[in-house]
Amino acid sequence: MMGLMQMVAVYLMPILCFAFVLNTVFLAEKIKNGDEDKDKNTFWVAITFTLIVYSFVSLLIM
């Protein structure tokens, strides 16, 4: 039976990767422009990166 992270890796990986790249670009623009409100994008970059890496690891373990 496929675990939750394996399902995330198989079905949601394109969405996670798209969200990661998009939030990374927005974060880079905010850093370049000197905006102080970077918390939201930093949070989403960290969450999506963690899910991407964790789902890869869960596929390798299985």
Protein backbone atom coordinates (compact mmCIF):
# COMPACT_ATOMS: atom_id res chain seq x y z
CA MET A 1 0.00 0.00 0.00
CA MET A 2 1.31 3.39 -0.98
CA GLY A 3 1.99 5.79 1.89
CA LEU A 4 0.90 9.39 2.02
CA MET A 5 4.28 10.82 1.03
CA GLN A 6 4.55 8.41 -1.91
CA MET A 7 1.17 9.66 -3.14
CA VAL A 8 2.35 13.25 -2.73
CA ALA A 9 5.51 12.41 -4.66
CA VAL A 10 3.64 10.78 -7.52
CA TYR A 11 0.59 13.01 -7.90
CA LEU A 12 1.41 16.40 -6.39
CA MET A 13 5.08 16.81 -7.32
CA PRO A 14 4.43 19.07 -10.36
CA ILE A 15 2.27 21.36 -8.24
CA LEU A 16 4.83 21.43 -5.41
CA CYS A 17 7.64 22.21 -7.83
CA PHE A 18 5.65 24.98 -9.50
CA ALA A 19 4.79 26.51 -6.11
CA PHE A 20 8.43 26.26 -5.01
CA VAL A 21 9.77 28.02 -8.10
CA LEU A 22 7.09 30.69 -8.07
CA ASN A 23 7.58 31.52 -4.40
CA THR A 24 11.36 31.51 -4.81
CA VAL A 25 11.10 34.05 -7.63
CA PHE A 26 8.75 36.25 -5.61
CA LEU A 27 11.09 36.01 -2.62
CA ALA A 28 14.09 36.98 -4.75
CA GLU A 29 12.19 39.99 -6.13
CA LYS A 30 11.25 41.11 -2.62
CA ILE A 31 14.85 40.78 -1.46
CA LYS A 32 16.08 42.72 -4.50
CA ASN A 33 13.54 45.51 -3.96
CA GLY A 34 14.23 45.69 -0.23
CA ASP A 35 10.70 44.80 0.88
CA GLU A 36 10.38 43.97 4.56
CA ASP A 37 7.41 41.58 4.20
CA LYS A 38 9.16 38.36 3.15
CA ASP A 39 7.76 36.03 5.80
CA LYS A 40 4.93 34.54 3.73
CA ASN A 41 7.14 33.64 0.76
CA THR A 42 9.91 32.33 3.01
CA PHE A 43 7.41 30.11 4.79
CA TRP A 44 6.06 28.64 1.55
CA VAL A 45 9.53 28.12 0.07
CA ALA A 46 10.54 26.20 3.20
CA ILE A 47 7.35 24.10 3.26
CA THR A 48 7.41 23.18 -0.43
CA PHE A 49 11.15 22.41 -0.36
CA THR A 50 10.66 20.17 2.67
CA LEU A 51 7.78 18.30 1.01
CA ILE A 52 9.73 17.85 -2.22
CA VAL A 53 12.81 16.47 -0.48
CA TYR A 54 10.81 14.32 1.95
CA SER A 55 8.75 12.80 -0.85
CA PHE A 56 11.91 11.94 -2.82
CA VAL A 57 13.39 10.29 0.25
CA SER A 58 10.18 8.35 0.89
CA LEU A 59 10.30 7.02 -2.69
CA LEU A 60 13.92 5.93 -2.28
CA ILE A 61 13.19 4.12 0.97
CA MET A 62 10.32 2.15 -0.55
